[in-house]
Amino acid sequence: MRYIAIIDDSPTMRASVMLTLKPFGYNVLQAQHGAEGLDVIQKAIAEGHEIALAICDINMPVLDGIGFINEFRKFDKFTPILVLTTESEQATIQKGKQAGASGWLIKPFKPDELIQSVERLIR
């Protein structure tokens, strides 16, 4: 099975991303921070599932989004990562891209923008 992993410390944000993706047939995994995101993704892969996309926030406790991207890229160079955050500062966006982010979407998101970004990244 293919999954989209949503990594965000806000339960409300995880729920709204999930509610946006579900009607389009996407299966979702959730995590509250980068470290948990890595665990959830590695467990899914170990069980034979595929991660089609990771959607992560930047500002999270334990392991932030940049840290998550850096760690994720150590074992997966190709799966796209969409950053969904309130961070719109060019320096932060640049750091994210250098770490390996594939796309950047600013919160609050419009559902159609999220779906377009997801579809563009997981073709």
PDB file of N, CA and C in Angstrom:
ATOM      1  N   MET A   1       0.840  -1.185   0.000  1.00  0.00           N
ATOM      2  CA  MET A   1       0.000   0.000   0.000  1.00  0.00           C
ATOM      3  C   MET A   1       0.887   1.252   0.000  1.00  0.00           C
ATOM      4  N   ARG A   2       0.426   2.298  -0.667  1.00  0.00           N
ATOM      5  CA  ARG A   2       1.156   3.573  -0.705  1.00  0.00           C
ATOM      6  C   ARG A   2       0.560   4.541   0.310  1.00  0.00           C
ATOM      7  N   TYR A   3       1.445   5.245   1.006  1.00  0.00           N
ATOM      8  CA  TYR A   3       1.008   6.192   2.028  1.00  0.00           C
ATOM      9  C   TYR A   3       1.596   7.582   1.814  1.00  0.00           C
ATOM     10  N   ILE A   4       0.870   8.559   2.331  1.00  0.00           N
ATOM     11  CA  ILE A   4       1.402   9.912   2.489  1.00  0.00           C
ATOM     12  C   ILE A   4       1.567  10.090   3.999  1.00  0.00           C
ATOM     13  N   ALA A   5       2.774  10.473   4.413  1.00  0.00           N
ATOM     14  CA  ALA A   5       3.032  10.706   5.837  1.00  0.00           C
ATOM     15  C   ALA A   5       2.850  12.193   6.132  1.00  0.00           C
ATOM     16  N   ILE A   6       2.046  12.496   7.149  1.00  0.00           N
ATOM     17  CA  ILE A   6       1.822  13.884   7.580  1.00  0.00           C
ATOM     18  C   ILE A   6       2.529  14.050   8.919  1.00  0.00           C
ATOM     19  N   ILE A   7       3.513  14.937   8.953  1.00  0.00           N
ATOM     20  CA  ILE A   7       4.276  15.167  10.172  1.00  0.00           C
ATOM     21  C   ILE A   7       4.069  16.613  10.607  1.00  0.00           C
ATOM     22  N   ASP A   8       3.299  16.798  11.663  1.00  0.00           N
ATOM     23  CA  ASP A   8       2.970  18.137  12.157  1.00  0.00           C
ATOM     24  C   ASP A   8       2.590  18.023  13.625  1.00  0.00           C
ATOM     25  N   ASP A   9       3.042  18.962  14.446  1.00  0.00           N
ATOM     26  CA  ASP A   9       2.733  18.889  15.879  1.00  0.00           C
ATOM     27  C   ASP A   9       1.308  19.335  16.200  1.00  0.00           C
ATOM     28  N   SER A  10       0.594  19.894  15.240  1.00  0.00           N
ATOM     29  CA  SER A  10      -0.779  20.328  15.467  1.00  0.00           C
ATOM     30  C   SER A  10      -1.771  19.235  15.045  1.00  0.00           C
ATOM     31  N   PRO A  11      -2.517  18.664  16.019  1.00  0.00           N
ATOM     32  CA  PRO A  11      -3.514  17.651  15.671  1.00  0.00           C
ATOM     33  C   PRO A  11      -4.556  18.198  14.689  1.00  0.00           C
ATOM     34  N   THR A  12      -4.916  19.469  14.834  1.00  0.00           N
ATOM     35  CA  THR A  12      -5.894  20.102  13.945  1.00  0.00           C
ATOM     36  C   THR A  12      -5.358  20.157  12.515  1.00  0.00           C
ATOM     37  N   MET A  13      -4.079  20.516  12.362  1.00  0.00           N
ATOM     38  CA  MET A  13      -3.480  20.585  11.030  1.00  0.00           C
ATOM     39  C   MET A  13      -3.396  19.195  10.409  1.00  0.00           C
ATOM     40  N   ARG A  14      -2.981  18.192  11.198  1.00  0.00           N
ATOM     41  CA  ARG A  14      -2.914  16.820  10.674  1.00  0.00           C
ATOM     42  C   ARG A  14      -4.299  16.376  10.205  1.00  0.00           C
ATOM     43  N   ALA A  15      -5.312  16.693  11.005  1.00  0.00           N
ATOM     44  CA  ALA A  15      -6.682  16.306  10.655  1.00  0.00           C
ATOM     45  C   ALA A  15      -7.147  17.005   9.384  1.00  0.00           C
ATOM     46  N   SER A  16      -6.858  18.302   9.238  1.00  0.00           N
ATOM     47  CA  SER A  16      -7.335  18.992   8.033  1.00  0.00           C
ATOM     48  C   SER A  16      -6.595  18.520   6.781  1.00  0.00           C
ATOM     49  N   VAL A  17      -5.314  18.198   6.900  1.00  0.00           N
ATOM     50  CA  VAL A  17      -4.595  17.657   5.741  1.00  0.00           C
ATOM     51  C   VAL A  17      -5.175  16.288   5.386  1.00  0.00           C
ATOM     52  N   MET A  18      -5.412  15.463   6.402  1.00  0.00           N
ATOM     53  CA  MET A  18      -5.975  14.138   6.165  1.00  0.00           C
ATOM     54  C   MET A  18      -7.360  14.228   5.520  1.00  0.00           C
ATOM     55  N   LEU A  19      -8.215  15.118   6.034  1.00  0.00           N
ATOM     56  CA  LEU A  19      -9.562  15.283   5.472  1.00  0.00           C
ATOM     57  C   LEU A  19      -9.523  15.801   4.038  1.00  0.00           C
ATOM     58  N   THR A  20      -8.468  16.551   3.702  1.00  0.00           N
ATOM     59  CA  THR A  20      -8.312  17.036   2.325  1.00  0.00           C
ATOM     60  C   THR A  20      -7.872  15.897   1.409  1.00  0.00           C
ATOM     61  N   LEU A  21      -6.993  15.028   1.891  1.00  0.00           N
ATOM     62  CA  LEU A  21      -6.423  13.961   1.058  1.00  0.00           C
ATOM     63  C   LEU A  21      -7.326  12.737   0.904  1.00  0.00           C
ATOM     64  N   LYS A  22      -8.041  12.355   1.967  1.00  0.00           N
ATOM     65  CA  LYS A  22      -8.849  11.125   1.979  1.00  0.00           C
ATOM     66  C   LYS A  22      -9.819  10.998   0.800  1.00  0.00           C
ATOM     67  N   PRO A  23     -10.599  12.043   0.463  1.00  0.00           N
ATOM     68  CA  PRO A  23     -11.556  11.903  -0.647  1.00  0.00           C
ATOM     69  C   PRO A  23     -10.880  11.613  -1.995  1.00  0.00           C
ATOM     70  N   PHE A  24      -9.577  11.876  -2.093  1.00  0.00           N
ATOM     71  CA  PHE A  24      -8.844  11.621  -3.329  1.00  0.00           C
ATOM     72  C   PHE A  24      -8.196  10.235  -3.311  1.00  0.00           C
ATOM     73  N   GLY A  25      -8.523   9.459  -2.282  1.00  0.00           N
ATOM     74  CA  GLY A  25      -8.064   8.080  -2.210  1.00  0.00           C
ATOM     75  C   GLY A  25      -6.678   7.876  -1.620  1.00  0.00           C
ATOM     76  N   TYR A  26      -6.137   8.902  -0.986  1.00  0.00           N
ATOM     77  CA  TYR A  26      -4.809   8.767  -0.392  1.00  0.00           C
ATOM     78  C   TYR A  26      -4.890   8.150   0.998  1.00  0.00           C
ATOM     79  N   ASN A  27      -3.996   7.200   1.267  1.00  0.00           N
ATOM     80  CA  ASN A  27      -3.854   6.614   2.602  1.00  0.00           C
ATOM     81  C   ASN A  27      -2.861   7.467   3.372  1.00  0.00           C
ATOM     82  N   VAL A  28      -3.138   7.670   4.652  1.00  0.00           N
ATOM     83  CA  VAL A  28      -2.351   8.625   5.426  1.00  0.00           C
ATOM     84  C   VAL A  28      -1.757   7.988   6.687  1.00  0.00           C
ATOM     85  N   LEU A  29      -0.501   8.331   6.966  1.00  0.00           N
ATOM     86  CA  LEU A  29       0.155   8.033   8.236  1.00  0.00           C
ATOM     87  C   LEU A  29       0.363   9.367   8.928  1.00  0.00           C
ATOM     88  N   GLN A  30       0.323   9.383  10.268  1.00  0.00           N
ATOM     89  CA  GLN A  30       0.487  10.650  10.988  1.00  0.00           C
ATOM     90  C   GLN A  30       1.576  10.566  12.048  1.00  0.00           C
ATOM     91  N   ALA A  31       2.246  11.697  12.270  1.00  0.00           N
ATOM     92  CA  ALA A  31       3.245  11.802  13.330  1.00  0.00           C
ATOM     93  C   ALA A  31       3.234  13.226  13.871  1.00  0.00           C
ATOM     94  N   GLN A  32       3.605  13.367  15.172  1.00  0.00           N
ATOM     95  CA  GLN A  32       3.554  14.661  15.856  1.00  0.00           C
ATOM     96  C   GLN A  32       4.834  15.484  15.731  1.00  0.00           C
ATOM     97  N   HIS A  33       5.931  14.841  15.333  1.00  0.00           N
ATOM     98  CA  HIS A  33       7.206  15.557  15.188  1.00  0.00           C
ATOM     99  C   HIS A  33       8.123  14.720  14.294  1.00  0.00           C
ATOM    100  N   GLY A  34       9.243  15.295  13.918  1.00  0.00           N
ATOM    101  CA  GLY A  34      10.142  14.642  12.975  1.00  0.00           C
ATOM    102  C   GLY A  34      10.635  13.280  13.406  1.00  0.00           C
ATOM    103  N   ALA A  35      10.996  13.120  14.682  1.00  0.00           N
ATOM    104  CA  ALA A  35      11.507  11.829  15.162  1.00  0.00           C
ATOM    105  C   ALA A  35      10.432  10.749  15.045  1.00  0.00           C
ATOM    106  N   GLU A  36       9.209  11.096  15.455  1.00  0.00           N
ATOM    107  CA  GLU A  36       8.107  10.141  15.334  1.00  0.00           C
ATOM    108  C   GLU A  36       7.816   9.860  13.856  1.00  0.00           C
ATOM    109  N   GLY A  37       7.924  10.893  13.019  1.00  0.00           N
ATOM    110  CA  GLY A  37       7.719  10.726  11.582  1.00  0.00           C
ATOM    111  C   GLY A  37       8.677   9.706  10.984  1.00  0.00           C
ATOM    112  N   LEU A  38       9.946   9.798  11.368  1.00  0.00           N
ATOM    113  CA  LEU A  38      10.948   8.841  10.887  1.00  0.00           C
ATOM    114  C   LEU A  38      10.592   7.431  11.339  1.00  0.00           C
ATOM    115  N   ASP A  39      10.178   7.277  12.608  1.00  0.00           N
ATOM    116  CA  ASP A  39       9.792   5.960  13.136  1.00  0.00           C
ATOM    117  C   ASP A  39       8.601   5.377  12.378  1.00  0.00           C
ATOM    118  N   VAL A  40       7.560   6.184  12.198  1.00  0.00           N
ATOM    119  CA  VAL A  40       6.335   5.742  11.528  1.00  0.00           C
ATOM    120  C   VAL A  40       6.644   5.326  10.077  1.00  0.00           C
ATOM    121  N   ILE A  41       7.453   6.131   9.389  1.00  0.00           N
ATOM    122  CA  ILE A  41       7.809   5.846   7.995  1.00  0.00           C
ATOM    123  C   ILE A  41       8.652   4.571   7.903  1.00  0.00           C
ATOM    124  N   GLN A  42       9.667   4.444   8.753  1.00  0.00           N
ATOM    125  CA  GLN A  42      10.524   3.258   8.701  1.00  0.00           C
ATOM    126  C   GLN A  42       9.756   1.985   9.045  1.00  0.00           C
ATOM    127  N   LYS A  43       8.806   2.087   9.973  1.00  0.00           N
ATOM    128  CA  LYS A  43       7.971   0.933  10.335  1.00  0.00           C
ATOM    129  C   LYS A  43       7.105   0.530   9.127  1.00  0.00           C
ATOM    130  N   ALA A  44       6.503   1.511   8.454  1.00  0.00           N
ATOM    131  CA  ALA A  44       5.665   1.228   7.286  1.00  0.00           C
ATOM    132  C   ALA A  44       6.490   0.570   6.179  1.00  0.00           C
ATOM    133  N   ILE A  45       7.693   1.077   5.946  1.00  0.00           N
ATOM    134  CA  ILE A  45       8.572   0.513   4.915  1.00  0.00           C
ATOM    135  C   ILE A  45       8.957  -0.922   5.288  1.00  0.00           C
ATOM    136  N   ALA A  46       9.280  -1.146   6.568  1.00  0.00           N
ATOM    137  CA  ALA A  46       9.641  -2.490   7.042  1.00  0.00           C
ATOM    138  C   ALA A  46       8.483  -3.476   6.857  1.00  0.00           C
ATOM    139  N   GLU A  47       7.250  -2.961   6.899  1.00  0.00           N
ATOM    140  CA  GLU A  47       6.064  -3.810   6.700  1.00  0.00           C
ATOM    141  C   GLU A  47       5.721  -3.970   5.225  1.00  0.00           C
ATOM    142  N   GLY A  48       6.572  -3.439   4.346  1.00  0.00           N
ATOM    143  CA  GLY A  48       6.380  -3.617   2.915  1.00  0.00           C
ATOM    144  C   GLY A  48       5.552  -2.546   2.232  1.00  0.00           C
ATOM    145  N   HIS A  49       5.270  -1.454   2.931  1.00  0.00           N
ATOM    146  CA  HIS A  49       4.489  -0.370   2.330  1.00  0.00           C
ATOM    147  C   HIS A  49       5.415   0.640   1.663  1.00  0.00           C
ATOM    148  N   GLU A  50       4.833   1.447   0.802  1.00  0.00           N
ATOM    149  CA  GLU A  50       5.590   2.478   0.096  1.00  0.00           C
ATOM    150  C   GLU A  50       5.156   3.848   0.615  1.00  0.00           C
ATOM    151  N   ILE A  51       6.118   4.741   0.780  1.00  0.00           N
ATOM    152  CA  ILE A  51       5.806   6.118   1.143  1.00  0.00           C
ATOM    153  C   ILE A  51       5.860   6.919  -0.165  1.00  0.00           C
ATOM    154  N   ALA A  52       4.700   7.438  -0.570  1.00  0.00           N
ATOM    155  CA  ALA A  52       4.624   8.178  -1.824  1.00  0.00           C
ATOM    156  C   ALA A  52       5.063   9.629  -1.634  1.00  0.00           C
ATOM    157  N   LEU A  53       4.860  10.147  -0.411  1.00  0.00           N
ATOM    158  CA  LEU A  53       5.123  11.556  -0.132  1.00  0.00           C
ATOM    159  C   LEU A  53       5.153  11.769   1.379  1.00  0.00           C
ATOM    160  N   ALA A  54       6.021  12.673   1.817  1.00  0.00           N
ATOM    161  CA  ALA A  54       5.998  13.122   3.211  1.00  0.00           C
ATOM    162  C   ALA A  54       5.608  14.592   3.194  1.00  0.00           C
ATOM    163  N   ILE A  55       4.678  14.970   4.060  1.00  0.00           N
ATOM    164  CA  ILE A  55       4.273  16.370   4.218  1.00  0.00           C
ATOM    165  C   ILE A  55       4.674  16.751   5.635  1.00  0.00           C
ATOM    166  N   CYS A  56       5.562  17.744   5.767  1.00  0.00           N
ATOM    167  CA  CYS A  56       6.008  18.078   7.122  1.00  0.00           C
ATOM    168  C   CYS A  56       6.026  19.573   7.386  1.00  0.00           C
ATOM    169  N   ASP A  57       5.834  19.888   8.661  1.00  0.00           N
ATOM    170  CA  ASP A  57       5.918  21.246   9.172  1.00  0.00           C
ATOM    171  C   ASP A  57       7.391  21.540   9.442  1.00  0.00           C
ATOM    172  N   ILE A  58       7.731  22.784   9.682  1.00  0.00           N
ATOM    173  CA  ILE A  58       9.108  23.149  10.043  1.00  0.00           C
ATOM    174  C   ILE A  58       9.244  23.257  11.554  1.00  0.00           C
ATOM    175  N   ASN A  59       8.369  24.017  12.195  1.00  0.00           N
ATOM    176  CA  ASN A  59       8.475  24.265  13.633  1.00  0.00           C
ATOM    177  C   ASN A  59       7.756  23.191  14.433  1.00  0.00           C
ATOM    178  N   MET A  60       8.538  22.221  14.941  1.00  0.00           N
ATOM    179  CA  MET A  60       7.989  21.130  15.744  1.00  0.00           C
ATOM    180  C   MET A  60       8.968  20.825  16.874  1.00  0.00           C
ATOM    181  N   PRO A  61       8.441  20.269  17.983  1.00  0.00           N
ATOM    182  CA  PRO A  61       9.342  19.864  19.073  1.00  0.00           C
ATOM    183  C   PRO A  61      10.115  18.591  18.694  1.00  0.00           C
ATOM    184  N   VAL A  62      11.039  18.186  19.516  1.00  0.00           N
ATOM    185  CA  VAL A  62      11.848  16.964  19.406  1.00  0.00           C
ATOM    186  C   VAL A  62      12.765  17.011  18.185  1.00  0.00           C
ATOM    187  N   LEU A  63      12.207  16.948  16.967  1.00  0.00           N
ATOM    188  CA  LEU A  63      12.992  17.061  15.734  1.00  0.00           C
ATOM    189  C   LEU A  63      12.177  17.923  14.779  1.00  0.00           C
ATOM    190  N   ASP A  64      12.732  19.087  14.419  1.00  0.00           N
ATOM    191  CA  ASP A  64      11.986  20.000  13.541  1.00  0.00           C
ATOM    192  C   ASP A  64      11.997  19.512  12.094  1.00  0.00           C
ATOM    193  N   GLY A  65      11.326  20.264  11.236  1.00  0.00           N
ATOM    194  CA  GLY A  65      11.182  19.864   9.840  1.00  0.00           C
ATOM    195  C   GLY A  65      12.495  19.746   9.077  1.00  0.00           C
ATOM    196  N   ILE A  66      13.411  20.696   9.275  1.00  0.00           N
ATOM    197  CA  ILE A  66      14.707  20.640   8.589  1.00  0.00           C
ATOM    198  C   ILE A  66      15.472  19.395   9.061  1.00  0.00           C
ATOM    199  N   GLY A  67      15.444  19.146  10.370  1.00  0.00           N
ATOM    200  CA  GLY A  67      16.082  17.947  10.921  1.00  0.00           C
ATOM    201  C   GLY A  67      15.462  16.675  10.361  1.00  0.00           C
ATOM    202  N   PHE A  68      14.130  16.662  10.258  1.00  0.00           N
ATOM    203  CA  PHE A  68      13.432  15.506   9.681  1.00  0.00           C
ATOM    204  C   PHE A  68      13.893  15.272   8.248  1.00  0.00           C
ATOM    205  N   ILE A  69      13.914  16.333   7.454  1.00  0.00           N
ATOM    206  CA  ILE A  69      14.302  16.197   6.044  1.00  0.00           C
ATOM    207  C   ILE A  69      15.734  15.658   5.945  1.00  0.00           C
ATOM    208  N   ASN A  70      16.643  16.230   6.733  1.00  0.00           N
ATOM    209  CA  ASN A  70      18.039  15.762   6.726  1.00  0.00           C
ATOM    210  C   ASN A  70      18.131  14.271   7.053  1.00  0.00           C
ATOM    211  N   GLU A  71      17.429  13.833   8.098  1.00  0.00           N
ATOM    212  CA  GLU A  71      17.475  12.430   8.513  1.00  0.00           C
ATOM    213  C   GLU A  71      16.793  11.516   7.491  1.00  0.00           C
ATOM    214  N   PHE A  72      15.654  11.951   6.963  1.00  0.00           N
ATOM    215  CA  PHE A  72      14.911  11.164   5.978  1.00  0.00           C
ATOM    216  C   PHE A  72      15.753  10.947   4.721  1.00  0.00           C
ATOM    217  N   ARG A  73      16.453  11.993   4.296  1.00  0.00           N
ATOM    218  CA  ARG A  73      17.272  11.909   3.084  1.00  0.00           C
ATOM    219  C   ARG A  73      18.459  10.955   3.237  1.00  0.00           C
ATOM    220  N   LYS A  74      18.825  10.631   4.479  1.00  0.00           N
ATOM    221  CA  LYS A  74      19.920   9.674   4.698  1.00  0.00           C
ATOM    222  C   LYS A  74      19.539   8.274   4.231  1.00  0.00           C
ATOM    223  N   PHE A  75      18.236   7.932   4.307  1.00  0.00           N
ATOM    224  CA  PHE A  75      17.821   6.589   3.867  1.00  0.00           C
ATOM    225  C   PHE A  75      16.874   6.614   2.667  1.00  0.00           C
ATOM    226  N   ASP A  76      16.417   7.780   2.259  1.00  0.00           N
ATOM    227  CA  ASP A  76      15.540   7.887   1.089  1.00  0.00           C
ATOM    228  C   ASP A  76      15.845   9.183   0.349  1.00  0.00           C
ATOM    229  N   LYS A  77      16.499   9.052  -0.786  1.00  0.00           N
ATOM    230  CA  LYS A  77      16.912  10.223  -1.565  1.00  0.00           C
ATOM    231  C   LYS A  77      15.824  10.704  -2.528  1.00  0.00           C
ATOM    232  N   PHE A  78      14.814   9.862  -2.792  1.00  0.00           N
ATOM    233  CA  PHE A  78      13.912  10.142  -3.910  1.00  0.00           C
ATOM    234  C   PHE A  78      12.472  10.488  -3.565  1.00  0.00           C
ATOM    235  N   THR A  79      11.946   9.986  -2.455  1.00  0.00           N
ATOM    236  CA  THR A  79      10.551  10.278  -2.106  1.00  0.00           C
ATOM    237  C   THR A  79      10.390  11.784  -1.899  1.00  0.00           C
ATOM    238  N   PRO A  80       9.404  12.391  -2.561  1.00  0.00           N
ATOM    239  CA  PRO A  80       9.221  13.842  -2.407  1.00  0.00           C
ATOM    240  C   PRO A  80       8.773  14.232  -0.998  1.00  0.00           C
ATOM    241  N   ILE A  81       9.232  15.406  -0.586  1.00  0.00           N
ATOM    242  CA  ILE A  81       8.847  15.971   0.712  1.00  0.00           C
ATOM    243  C   ILE A  81       8.248  17.349   0.463  1.00  0.00           C
ATOM    244  N   LEU A  82       6.998  17.519   0.874  1.00  0.00           N
ATOM    245  CA  LEU A  82       6.319  18.806   0.772  1.00  0.00           C
ATOM    246  C   LEU A  82       6.321  19.446   2.157  1.00  0.00           C
ATOM    247  N   VAL A  83       6.883  20.633   2.244  1.00  0.00           N
ATOM    248  CA  VAL A  83       6.875  21.358   3.511  1.00  0.00           C
ATOM    249  C   VAL A  83       5.595  22.183   3.564  1.00  0.00           C
ATOM    250  N   LEU A  84       4.830  22.018   4.644  1.00  0.00           N
ATOM    251  CA  LEU A  84       3.589  22.763   4.862  1.00  0.00           C
ATOM    252  C   LEU A  84       3.766  23.498   6.184  1.00  0.00           C
ATOM    253  N   THR A  85       3.979  24.815   6.101  1.00  0.00           N
ATOM    254  CA  THR A  85       4.407  25.571   7.278  1.00  0.00           C
ATOM    255  C   THR A  85       3.956  27.026   7.217  1.00  0.00           C
ATOM    256  N   THR A  86       4.089  27.724   8.335  1.00  0.00           N
ATOM    257  CA  THR A  86       3.840  29.168   8.357  1.00  0.00           C
ATOM    258  C   THR A  86       5.111  29.922   7.962  1.00  0.00           C
ATOM    259  N   GLU A  87       6.236  29.215   7.887  1.00  0.00           N
ATOM    260  CA  GLU A  87       7.525  29.833   7.565  1.00  0.00           C
ATOM    261  C   GLU A  87       7.579  30.265   6.097  1.00  0.00           C
ATOM    262  N   SER A  88       7.701  31.572   5.867  1.00  0.00           N
ATOM    263  CA  SER A  88       7.767  32.053   4.486  1.00  0.00           C
ATOM    264  C   SER A  88       9.052  32.833   4.223  1.00  0.00           C
ATOM    265  N   GLU A  89       9.950  32.838   5.209  1.00  0.00           N
ATOM    266  CA  GLU A  89      11.212  33.557   5.070  1.00  0.00           C
ATOM    267  C   GLU A  89      12.117  32.834   4.067  1.00  0.00           C
ATOM    268  N   GLN A  90      12.684  33.574   3.123  1.00  0.00           N
ATOM    269  CA  GLN A  90      13.522  32.993   2.063  1.00  0.00           C
ATOM    270  C   GLN A  90      14.663  32.149   2.612  1.00  0.00           C
ATOM    271  N   ALA A  91      15.300  32.605   3.694  1.00  0.00           N
ATOM    272  CA  ALA A  91      16.432  31.866   4.271  1.00  0.00           C
ATOM    273  C   ALA A  91      15.987  30.482   4.740  1.00  0.00           C
ATOM    274  N   THR A  92      14.812  30.405   5.353  1.00  0.00           N
ATOM    275  CA  THR A  92      14.284  29.119   5.840  1.00  0.00           C
ATOM    276  C   THR A  92      13.918  28.230   4.658  1.00  0.00           C
ATOM    277  N   ILE A  93      13.276  28.809   3.649  1.00  0.00           N
ATOM    278  CA  ILE A  93      12.906  28.051   2.455  1.00  0.00           C
ATOM    279  C   ILE A  93      14.169  27.493   1.796  1.00  0.00           C
ATOM    280  N   GLN A  94      15.207  28.314   1.713  1.00  0.00           N
ATOM    281  CA  GLN A  94      16.475  27.897   1.126  1.00  0.00           C
ATOM    282  C   GLN A  94      17.084  26.736   1.909  1.00  0.00           C
ATOM    283  N   LYS A  95      17.049  26.840   3.242  1.00  0.00           N
ATOM    284  CA  LYS A  95      17.567  25.763   4.105  1.00  0.00           C
ATOM    285  C   LYS A  95      16.812  24.465   3.843  1.00  0.00           C
ATOM    286  N   GLY A  96      15.512  24.575   3.712  1.00  0.00           N
ATOM    287  CA  GLY A  96      14.672  23.410   3.449  1.00  0.00           C
ATOM    288  C   GLY A  96      14.995  22.772   2.116  1.00  0.00           C
ATOM    289  N   LYS A  97      15.149  23.594   1.096  1.00  0.00           N
ATOM    290  CA  LYS A  97      15.476  23.091  -0.244  1.00  0.00           C
ATOM    291  C   LYS A  97      16.846  22.416  -0.238  1.00  0.00           C
ATOM    292  N   GLN A  98      17.813  23.035   0.455  1.00  0.00           N
ATOM    293  CA  GLN A  98      19.155  22.445   0.545  1.00  0.00           C
ATOM    294  C   GLN A  98      19.118  21.097   1.262  1.00  0.00           C
ATOM    295  N   ALA A  99      18.249  20.978   2.263  1.00  0.00           N
ATOM    296  CA  ALA A  99      18.115  19.719   3.008  1.00  0.00           C
ATOM    297  C   ALA A  99      17.478  18.636   2.137  1.00  0.00           C
ATOM    298  N   GLY A 100      16.662  19.061   1.158  1.00  0.00           N
ATOM    299  CA  GLY A 100      16.032  18.089   0.266  1.00  0.00           C
ATOM    300  C   GLY A 100      14.531  18.198   0.120  1.00  0.00           C
ATOM    301  N   ALA A 101      13.955  19.332   0.538  1.00  0.00           N
ATOM    302  CA  ALA A 101      12.514  19.532   0.355  1.00  0.00           C
ATOM    303  C   ALA A 101      12.201  19.651  -1.139  1.00  0.00           C
ATOM    304  N   SER A 102      11.079  19.059  -1.547  1.00  0.00           N
ATOM    305  CA  SER A 102      10.682  19.067  -2.960  1.00  0.00           C
ATOM    306  C   SER A 102       9.719  20.204  -3.276  1.00  0.00           C
ATOM    307  N   GLY A 103       8.996  20.672  -2.257  1.00  0.00           N
ATOM    308  CA  GLY A 103       8.018  21.738  -2.456  1.00  0.00           C
ATOM    309  C   GLY A 103       7.745  22.441  -1.142  1.00  0.00           C
ATOM    310  N   TRP A 104       7.111  23.617  -1.227  1.00  0.00           N
ATOM    311  CA  TRP A 104       6.874  24.453  -0.043  1.00  0.00           C
ATOM    312  C   TRP A 104       5.497  25.068  -0.170  1.00  0.00           C
ATOM    313  N   LEU A 105       4.659  24.884   0.825  1.00  0.00           N
ATOM    314  CA  LEU A 105       3.313  25.446   0.834  1.00  0.00           C
ATOM    315  C   LEU A 105       3.127  26.181   2.162  1.00  0.00           C
ATOM    316  N   ILE A 106       2.589  27.394   2.095  1.00  0.00           N
ATOM    317  CA  ILE A 106       2.417  28.217   3.297  1.00  0.00           C
ATOM    318  C   ILE A 106       1.027  27.984   3.903  1.00  0.00           C
ATOM    319  N   LYS A 107       0.997  27.815   5.240  1.00  0.00           N
ATOM    320  CA  LYS A 107      -0.270  27.712   5.983  1.00  0.00           C
ATOM    321  C   LYS A 107      -0.839  29.115   6.168  1.00  0.00           C
ATOM    322  N   PRO A 108      -2.146  29.264   6.256  1.00  0.00           N
ATOM    323  CA  PRO A 108      -3.138  28.221   6.033  1.00  0.00           C
ATOM    324  C   PRO A 108      -3.205  27.863   4.549  1.00  0.00           C
ATOM    325  N   PHE A 109      -3.437  26.598   4.254  1.00  0.00           N
ATOM    326  CA  PHE A 109      -3.465  26.158   2.858  1.00  0.00           C
ATOM    327  C   PHE A 109      -4.893  26.116   2.328  1.00  0.00           C
ATOM    328  N   LYS A 110      -5.013  26.258   1.017  1.00  0.00           N
ATOM    329  CA  LYS A 110      -6.297  26.061   0.353  1.00  0.00           C
ATOM    330  C   LYS A 110      -6.306  24.594  -0.095  1.00  0.00           C
ATOM    331  N   PRO A 111      -7.382  23.863   0.172  1.00  0.00           N
ATOM    332  CA  PRO A 111      -7.419  22.439  -0.184  1.00  0.00           C
ATOM    333  C   PRO A 111      -7.006  22.146  -1.635  1.00  0.00           C
ATOM    334  N   ASP A 112      -7.474  22.958  -2.588  1.00  0.00           N
ATOM    335  CA  ASP A 112      -7.117  22.691  -3.985  1.00  0.00           C
ATOM    336  C   ASP A 112      -5.622  22.893  -4.245  1.00  0.00           C
ATOM    337  N   GLU A 113      -5.008  23.845  -3.535  1.00  0.00           N
ATOM    338  CA  GLU A 113      -3.551  24.052  -3.673  1.00  0.00           C
ATOM    339  C   GLU A 113      -2.794  22.840  -3.143  1.00  0.00           C
ATOM    340  N   LEU A 114      -3.254  22.300  -2.015  1.00  0.00           N
ATOM    341  CA  LEU A 114      -2.598  21.128  -1.438  1.00  0.00           C
ATOM    342  C   LEU A 114      -2.708  19.945  -2.399  1.00  0.00           C
ATOM    343  N   ILE A 115      -3.905  19.694  -2.912  1.00  0.00           N
ATOM    344  CA  ILE A 115      -4.109  18.568  -3.833  1.00  0.00           C
ATOM    345  C   ILE A 115      -3.253  18.742  -5.088  1.00  0.00           C
ATOM    346  N   GLN A 116      -3.203  19.960  -5.643  1.00  0.00           N
ATOM    347  CA  GLN A 116      -2.365  20.210  -6.821  1.00  0.00           C
ATOM    348  C   GLN A 116      -0.899  19.922  -6.523  1.00  0.00           C
ATOM    349  N   SER A 117      -0.412  20.368  -5.373  1.00  0.00           N
ATOM    350  CA  SER A 117       0.989  20.132  -4.986  1.00  0.00           C
ATOM    351  C   SER A 117       1.254  18.634  -4.823  1.00  0.00           C
ATOM    352  N   VAL A 118       0.343  17.942  -4.159  1.00  0.00           N
ATOM    353  CA  VAL A 118       0.495  16.502  -3.935  1.00  0.00           C
ATOM    354  C   VAL A 118       0.533  15.777  -5.278  1.00  0.00           C
ATOM    355  N   GLU A 119      -0.410  16.086  -6.151  1.00  0.00           N
ATOM    356  CA  GLU A 119      -0.475  15.402  -7.445  1.00  0.00           C
ATOM    357  C   GLU A 119       0.748  15.699  -8.306  1.00  0.00           C
ATOM    358  N   ARG A 120       1.257  16.922  -8.226  1.00  0.00           N
ATOM    359  CA  ARG A 120       2.459  17.294  -8.986  1.00  0.00           C
ATOM    360  C   ARG A 120       3.670  16.505  -8.478  1.00  0.00           C
ATOM    361  N   LEU A 121       3.748  16.323  -7.161  1.00  0.00           N
ATOM    362  CA  LEU A 121       4.917  15.654  -6.576  1.00  0.00           C
ATOM    363  C   LEU A 121       4.913  14.136  -6.660  1.00  0.00           C
ATOM    364  N   ILE A 122       3.739  13.515  -6.701  1.00  0.00           N
ATOM    365  CA  ILE A 122       3.738  12.046  -6.705  1.00  0.00           C
ATOM    366  C   ILE A 122       3.299  11.427  -8.023  1.00  0.00           C
ATOM    367  N   ARG A 123       3.406  12.139  -9.089  1.00  0.00           N
ATOM    368  CA  ARG A 123       3.087  11.596 -10.410  1.00  0.00           C
ATOM    369  C   ARG A 123       3.838  10.324 -10.697  1.00  0.00           C
TER     370      ARG A 123
END
